[in-house]
Amino acid sequence: MSAPIVIHRPSPTGGRRVTIRGQIAGLAYDDHDVTEFLRRAGLPDAETLLDRPEWVEWRGGRAHQYAAA
């Protein structure tokens, strides 16, 4: 089973699309944006999930980097 949260590759203009259980949550420009999306989705302690591969899959770039590709 894949992680329920996917942080996609950085876009050419910066930021990364975030999906939660297959639904687009928004475009994140930093970890704070991601944790806010997770909080809105009802996930408690969102800050602790970003480095847990069973929860978050970072695709197409290094984790925690949001600059343009």
PDB file of N, CA and C in Angstrom:
ATOM      1  N   MET A   1       0.839  -1.182   0.000  1.00  0.00           N
ATOM      2  CA  MET A   1       0.000   0.000   0.000  1.00  0.00           C
ATOM      3  C   MET A   1       0.882   1.243   0.000  1.00  0.00           C
ATOM      4  N   SER A   2       0.531   2.236  -0.790  1.00  0.00           N
ATOM      5  CA  SER A   2       1.325   3.452  -0.866  1.00  0.00           C
ATOM      6  C   SER A   2       0.909   4.429   0.237  1.00  0.00           C
ATOM      7  N   ALA A   3       1.754   5.421   0.439  1.00  0.00           N
ATOM      8  CA  ALA A   3       1.490   6.431   1.456  1.00  0.00           C
ATOM      9  C   ALA A   3       0.241   7.240   1.090  1.00  0.00           C
ATOM     10  N   PRO A   4      -0.563   7.619   2.074  1.00  0.00           N
ATOM     11  CA  PRO A   4      -1.782   8.375   1.773  1.00  0.00           C
ATOM     12  C   PRO A   4      -1.521   9.828   1.379  1.00  0.00           C
ATOM     13  N   ILE A   5      -0.337  10.338   1.682  1.00  0.00           N
ATOM     14  CA  ILE A   5       0.017  11.724   1.364  1.00  0.00           C
ATOM     15  C   ILE A   5       1.157  11.701   0.357  1.00  0.00           C
ATOM     16  N   VAL A   6       0.969  12.406  -0.760  1.00  0.00           N
ATOM     17  CA  VAL A   6       2.024  12.478  -1.776  1.00  0.00           C
ATOM     18  C   VAL A   6       2.375  13.940  -1.991  1.00  0.00           C
ATOM     19  N   ILE A   7       3.668  14.222  -1.917  1.00  0.00           N
ATOM     20  CA  ILE A   7       4.173  15.553  -2.223  1.00  0.00           C
ATOM     21  C   ILE A   7       4.929  15.401  -3.535  1.00  0.00           C
ATOM     22  N   HIS A   8       4.365  15.966  -4.586  1.00  0.00           N
ATOM     23  CA  HIS A   8       4.839  15.753  -5.945  1.00  0.00           C
ATOM     24  C   HIS A   8       6.064  16.611  -6.263  1.00  0.00           C
ATOM     25  N   ARG A   9       6.661  16.328  -7.419  1.00  0.00           N
ATOM     26  CA  ARG A   9       7.878  17.036  -7.832  1.00  0.00           C
ATOM     27  C   ARG A   9       7.662  18.542  -7.860  1.00  0.00           C
ATOM     28  N   PRO A  10       8.727  19.318  -7.610  1.00  0.00           N
ATOM     29  CA  PRO A  10       8.601  20.776  -7.692  1.00  0.00           C
ATOM     30  C   PRO A  10       8.166  21.203  -9.090  1.00  0.00           C
ATOM     31  N   SER A  11       7.294  22.182  -9.152  1.00  0.00           N
ATOM     32  CA  SER A  11       6.845  22.698 -10.445  1.00  0.00           C
ATOM     33  C   SER A  11       7.898  23.653 -11.001  1.00  0.00           C
ATOM     34  N   PRO A  12       7.871  23.921 -12.294  1.00  0.00           N
ATOM     35  CA  PRO A  12       8.843  24.832 -12.902  1.00  0.00           C
ATOM     36  C   PRO A  12       8.799  26.247 -12.307  1.00  0.00           C
ATOM     37  N   THR A  13       7.671  26.628 -11.732  1.00  0.00           N
ATOM     38  CA  THR A  13       7.557  27.963 -11.142  1.00  0.00           C
ATOM     39  C   THR A  13       7.713  27.937  -9.623  1.00  0.00           C
ATOM     40  N   GLY A  14       7.996  26.787  -9.054  1.00  0.00           N
ATOM     41  CA  GLY A  14       8.156  26.641  -7.615  1.00  0.00           C
ATOM     42  C   GLY A  14       6.913  26.078  -6.970  1.00  0.00           C
ATOM     43  N   GLY A  15       7.093  25.498  -5.823  1.00  0.00           N
ATOM     44  CA  GLY A  15       5.991  24.868  -5.110  1.00  0.00           C
ATOM     45  C   GLY A  15       5.812  23.419  -5.528  1.00  0.00           C
ATOM     46  N   ARG A  16       5.122  22.665  -4.690  1.00  0.00           N
ATOM     47  CA  ARG A  16       4.851  21.251  -4.953  1.00  0.00           C
ATOM     48  C   ARG A  16       3.377  20.965  -4.690  1.00  0.00           C
ATOM     49  N   ARG A  17       2.773  20.240  -5.616  1.00  0.00           N
ATOM     50  CA  ARG A  17       1.378  19.817  -5.435  1.00  0.00           C
ATOM     51  C   ARG A  17       1.340  18.763  -4.337  1.00  0.00           C
ATOM     52  N   VAL A  18       0.328  18.842  -3.499  1.00  0.00           N
ATOM     53  CA  VAL A  18       0.142  17.903  -2.403  1.00  0.00           C
ATOM     54  C   VAL A  18      -1.192  17.208  -2.594  1.00  0.00           C
ATOM     55  N   THR A  19      -1.168  15.879  -2.558  1.00  0.00           N
ATOM     56  CA  THR A  19      -2.409  15.114  -2.613  1.00  0.00           C
ATOM     57  C   THR A  19      -2.538  14.298  -1.333  1.00  0.00           C
ATOM     58  N   ILE A  20      -3.767  14.205  -0.867  1.00  0.00           N
ATOM     59  CA  ILE A  20      -4.079  13.422   0.325  1.00  0.00           C
ATOM     60  C   ILE A  20      -5.159  12.427  -0.073  1.00  0.00           C
ATOM     61  N   ARG A  21      -4.802  11.158  -0.009  1.00  0.00           N
ATOM     62  CA  ARG A  21      -5.710  10.077  -0.425  1.00  0.00           C
ATOM     63  C   ARG A  21      -6.259  10.312  -1.830  1.00  0.00           C
ATOM     64  N   GLY A  22      -5.373  10.767  -2.727  1.00  0.00           N
ATOM     65  CA  GLY A  22      -5.736  10.950  -4.126  1.00  0.00           C
ATOM     66  C   GLY A  22      -6.424  12.260  -4.461  1.00  0.00           C
ATOM     67  N   GLN A  23      -6.719  13.076  -3.474  1.00  0.00           N
ATOM     68  CA  GLN A  23      -7.387  14.356  -3.692  1.00  0.00           C
ATOM     69  C   GLN A  23      -6.373  15.494  -3.582  1.00  0.00           C
ATOM     70  N   ILE A  24      -6.401  16.422  -4.516  1.00  0.00           N
ATOM     71  CA  ILE A  24      -5.472  17.552  -4.478  1.00  0.00           C
ATOM     72  C   ILE A  24      -5.818  18.440  -3.287  1.00  0.00           C
ATOM     73  N   ALA A  25      -4.803  18.681  -2.441  1.00  0.00           N
ATOM     74  CA  ALA A  25      -4.987  19.538  -1.268  1.00  0.00           C
ATOM     75  C   ALA A  25      -4.539  20.963  -1.553  1.00  0.00           C
ATOM     76  N   GLY A  26      -3.575  21.117  -2.478  1.00  0.00           N
ATOM     77  CA  GLY A  26      -3.106  22.453  -2.807  1.00  0.00           C
ATOM     78  C   GLY A  26      -1.661  22.438  -3.253  1.00  0.00           C
ATOM     79  N   LEU A  27      -1.124  23.633  -3.437  1.00  0.00           N
ATOM     80  CA  LEU A  27       0.266  23.823  -3.851  1.00  0.00           C
ATOM     81  C   LEU A  27       1.034  24.363  -2.653  1.00  0.00           C
ATOM     82  N   ALA A  28       2.043  23.626  -2.223  1.00  0.00           N
ATOM     83  CA  ALA A  28       2.831  23.999  -1.051  1.00  0.00           C
ATOM     84  C   ALA A  28       4.144  24.641  -1.472  1.00  0.00           C
ATOM     85  N   TYR A  29       4.517  25.689  -0.758  1.00  0.00           N
ATOM     86  CA  TYR A  29       5.789  26.372  -1.001  1.00  0.00           C
ATOM     87  C   TYR A  29       6.777  26.143   0.135  1.00  0.00           C
ATOM     88  N   ASP A  30       6.314  25.471   1.196  1.00  0.00           N
ATOM     89  CA  ASP A  30       7.192  25.107   2.305  1.00  0.00           C
ATOM     90  C   ASP A  30       6.479  24.072   3.173  1.00  0.00           C
ATOM     91  N   ASP A  31       7.195  23.556   4.182  1.00  0.00           N
ATOM     92  CA  ASP A  31       6.612  22.538   5.054  1.00  0.00           C
ATOM     93  C   ASP A  31       5.399  23.061   5.810  1.00  0.00           C
ATOM     94  N   HIS A  32       5.401  24.339   6.145  1.00  0.00           N
ATOM     95  CA  HIS A  32       4.254  24.914   6.857  1.00  0.00           C
ATOM     96  C   HIS A  32       2.972  24.768   6.031  1.00  0.00           C
ATOM     97  N   ASP A  33       3.069  25.014   4.723  1.00  0.00           N
ATOM     98  CA  ASP A  33       1.900  24.843   3.852  1.00  0.00           C
ATOM     99  C   ASP A  33       1.401  23.406   3.899  1.00  0.00           C
ATOM    100  N   VAL A  34       2.322  22.450   3.828  1.00  0.00           N
ATOM    101  CA  VAL A  34       1.925  21.035   3.851  1.00  0.00           C
ATOM    102  C   VAL A  34       1.231  20.702   5.167  1.00  0.00           C
ATOM    103  N   THR A  35       1.808  21.119   6.283  1.00  0.00           N
ATOM    104  CA  THR A  35       1.189  20.799   7.565  1.00  0.00           C
ATOM    105  C   THR A  35      -0.180  21.452   7.702  1.00  0.00           C
ATOM    106  N   GLU A  36      -0.359  22.618   7.112  1.00  0.00           N
ATOM    107  CA  GLU A  36      -1.680  23.259   7.146  1.00  0.00           C
ATOM    108  C   GLU A  36      -2.694  22.440   6.332  1.00  0.00           C
ATOM    109  N   PHE A  37      -2.293  21.940   5.159  1.00  0.00           N
ATOM    110  CA  PHE A  37      -3.184  21.080   4.367  1.00  0.00           C
ATOM    111  C   PHE A  37      -3.571  19.833   5.164  1.00  0.00           C
ATOM    112  N   LEU A  38      -2.589  19.240   5.846  1.00  0.00           N
ATOM    113  CA  LEU A  38      -2.853  18.027   6.625  1.00  0.00           C
ATOM    114  C   LEU A  38      -3.768  18.327   7.807  1.00  0.00           C
ATOM    115  N   ARG A  39      -3.545  19.451   8.454  1.00  0.00           N
ATOM    116  CA  ARG A  39      -4.401  19.850   9.576  1.00  0.00           C
ATOM    117  C   ARG A  39      -5.848  20.015   9.106  1.00  0.00           C
ATOM    118  N   ARG A  40      -6.019  20.683   7.954  1.00  0.00           N
ATOM    119  CA  ARG A  40      -7.369  20.886   7.404  1.00  0.00           C
ATOM    120  C   ARG A  40      -8.033  19.568   7.029  1.00  0.00           C
ATOM    121  N   ALA A  41      -7.208  18.571   6.687  1.00  0.00           N
ATOM    122  CA  ALA A  41      -7.737  17.253   6.337  1.00  0.00           C
ATOM    123  C   ALA A  41      -8.042  16.413   7.578  1.00  0.00           C
ATOM    124  N   GLY A  42      -7.778  16.990   8.759  1.00  0.00           N
ATOM    125  CA  GLY A  42      -8.117  16.291   9.995  1.00  0.00           C
ATOM    126  C   GLY A  42      -7.040  15.388  10.541  1.00  0.00           C
ATOM    127  N   LEU A  43      -5.812  15.564  10.069  1.00  0.00           N
ATOM    128  CA  LEU A  43      -4.715  14.736  10.562  1.00  0.00           C
ATOM    129  C   LEU A  43      -4.015  15.448  11.725  1.00  0.00           C
ATOM    130  N   PRO A  44      -4.134  14.914  12.925  1.00  0.00           N
ATOM    131  CA  PRO A  44      -3.502  15.546  14.080  1.00  0.00           C
ATOM    132  C   PRO A  44      -1.987  15.364  14.028  1.00  0.00           C
ATOM    133  N   ASP A  45      -1.277  16.259  14.680  1.00  0.00           N
ATOM    134  CA  ASP A  45       0.189  16.195  14.751  1.00  0.00           C
ATOM    135  C   ASP A  45       0.823  16.115  13.369  1.00  0.00           C
ATOM    136  N   ALA A  46       0.335  16.929  12.451  1.00  0.00           N
ATOM    137  CA  ALA A  46       0.782  16.883  11.059  1.00  0.00           C
ATOM    138  C   ALA A  46       2.286  17.074  10.925  1.00  0.00           C
ATOM    139  N   GLU A  47       2.888  17.898  11.773  1.00  0.00           N
ATOM    140  CA  GLU A  47       4.331  18.164  11.671  1.00  0.00           C
ATOM    141  C   GLU A  47       5.156  16.889  11.819  1.00  0.00           C
ATOM    142  N   THR A  48       4.652  15.946  12.588  1.00  0.00           N
ATOM    143  CA  THR A  48       5.410  14.714  12.844  1.00  0.00           C
ATOM    144  C   THR A  48       5.311  13.709  11.699  1.00  0.00           C
ATOM    145  N   LEU A  49       4.428  13.953  10.732  1.00  0.00           N
ATOM    146  CA  LEU A  49       4.209  12.982   9.654  1.00  0.00           C
ATOM    147  C   LEU A  49       5.142  13.161   8.465  1.00  0.00           C
ATOM    148  N   LEU A  50       5.719  14.341   8.275  1.00  0.00           N
ATOM    149  CA  LEU A  50       6.450  14.652   7.045  1.00  0.00           C
ATOM    150  C   LEU A  50       7.634  13.737   6.766  1.00  0.00           C
ATOM    151  N   ASP A  51       8.261  13.210   7.794  1.00  0.00           N
ATOM    152  CA  ASP A  51       9.418  12.332   7.598  1.00  0.00           C
ATOM    153  C   ASP A  51       9.101  10.871   7.867  1.00  0.00           C
ATOM    154  N   ARG A  52       7.831  10.529   7.819  1.00  0.00           N
ATOM    155  CA  ARG A  52       7.416   9.139   8.037  1.00  0.00           C
ATOM    156  C   ARG A  52       6.927   8.558   6.711  1.00  0.00           C
ATOM    157  N   PRO A  53       7.752   7.686   6.092  1.00  0.00           N
ATOM    158  CA  PRO A  53       7.409   7.159   4.766  1.00  0.00           C
ATOM    159  C   PRO A  53       6.107   6.370   4.707  1.00  0.00           C
ATOM    160  N   GLU A  54       5.628   5.881   5.823  1.00  0.00           N
ATOM    161  CA  GLU A  54       4.340   5.186   5.800  1.00  0.00           C
ATOM    162  C   GLU A  54       3.185   6.174   5.629  1.00  0.00           C
ATOM    163  N   TRP A  55       3.446   7.456   5.857  1.00  0.00           N
ATOM    164  CA  TRP A  55       2.446   8.502   5.701  1.00  0.00           C
ATOM    165  C   TRP A  55       2.669   9.382   4.487  1.00  0.00           C
ATOM    166  N   VAL A  56       3.947   9.732   4.211  1.00  0.00           N
ATOM    167  CA  VAL A  56       4.257  10.723   3.172  1.00  0.00           C
ATOM    168  C   VAL A  56       5.250  10.159   2.165  1.00  0.00           C
ATOM    169  N   GLU A  57       4.910  10.304   0.889  1.00  0.00           N
ATOM    170  CA  GLU A  57       5.823   9.944  -0.195  1.00  0.00           C
ATOM    171  C   GLU A  57       6.242  11.236  -0.892  1.00  0.00           C
ATOM    172  N   TRP A  58       7.555  11.494  -0.914  1.00  0.00           N
ATOM    173  CA  TRP A  58       8.112  12.653  -1.616  1.00  0.00           C
ATOM    174  C   TRP A  58       8.503  12.184  -3.004  1.00  0.00           C
ATOM    175  N   ARG A  59       7.910  12.740  -4.043  1.00  0.00           N
ATOM    176  CA  ARG A  59       8.185  12.314  -5.420  1.00  0.00           C
ATOM    177  C   ARG A  59       8.954  13.385  -6.190  1.00  0.00           C
ATOM    178  N   GLY A  60       9.916  12.919  -6.987  1.00  0.00           N
ATOM    179  CA  GLY A  60      10.568  13.787  -7.958  1.00  0.00           C
ATOM    180  C   GLY A  60      11.380  14.929  -7.395  1.00  0.00           C
ATOM    181  N   GLY A  61      11.997  14.728  -6.294  1.00  0.00           N
ATOM    182  CA  GLY A  61      12.841  15.768  -5.713  1.00  0.00           C
ATOM    183  C   GLY A  61      13.149  15.432  -4.268  1.00  0.00           C
ATOM    184  N   ARG A  62      14.044  16.191  -3.699  1.00  0.00           N
ATOM    185  CA  ARG A  62      14.429  15.951  -2.312  1.00  0.00           C
ATOM    186  C   ARG A  62      13.338  16.417  -1.365  1.00  0.00           C
ATOM    187  N   ALA A  63      13.186  15.696  -0.287  1.00  0.00           N
ATOM    188  CA  ALA A  63      12.199  16.070   0.730  1.00  0.00           C
ATOM    189  C   ALA A  63      12.503  17.452   1.272  1.00  0.00           C
ATOM    190  N   HIS A  64      11.455  18.196   1.529  1.00  0.00           N
ATOM    191  CA  HIS A  64      11.518  19.516   2.156  1.00  0.00           C
ATOM    192  C   HIS A  64      12.094  20.603   1.244  1.00  0.00           C
ATOM    193  N   GLN A  65      12.248  20.340  -0.042  1.00  0.00           N
ATOM    194  CA  GLN A  65      12.727  21.357  -0.976  1.00  0.00           C
ATOM    195  C   GLN A  65      11.600  21.686  -1.938  1.00  0.00           C
ATOM    196  N   TYR A  66      11.302  22.976  -2.066  1.00  0.00           N
ATOM    197  CA  TYR A  66      10.146  23.423  -2.823  1.00  0.00           C
ATOM    198  C   TYR A  66      10.494  24.349  -3.990  1.00  0.00           C
ATOM    199  N   ALA A  67      11.770  24.650  -4.174  1.00  0.00           N
ATOM    200  CA  ALA A  67      12.189  25.567  -5.219  1.00  0.00           C
ATOM    201  C   ALA A  67      11.898  24.982  -6.598  1.00  0.00           C
ATOM    202  N   ALA A  68      11.833  25.858  -7.589  1.00  0.00           N
ATOM    203  CA  ALA A  68      11.569  25.434  -8.967  1.00  0.00           C
ATOM    204  C   ALA A  68      12.565  24.393  -9.417  1.00  0.00           C
ATOM    205  N   ALA A  69      12.067  23.451 -10.199  1.00  0.00           N
ATOM    206  CA  ALA A  69      12.912  22.345 -10.692  1.00  0.00           C
ATOM    207  C   ALA A  69      13.902  22.843 -11.730  1.00  0.00           C
TER     208      ALA A  69
END
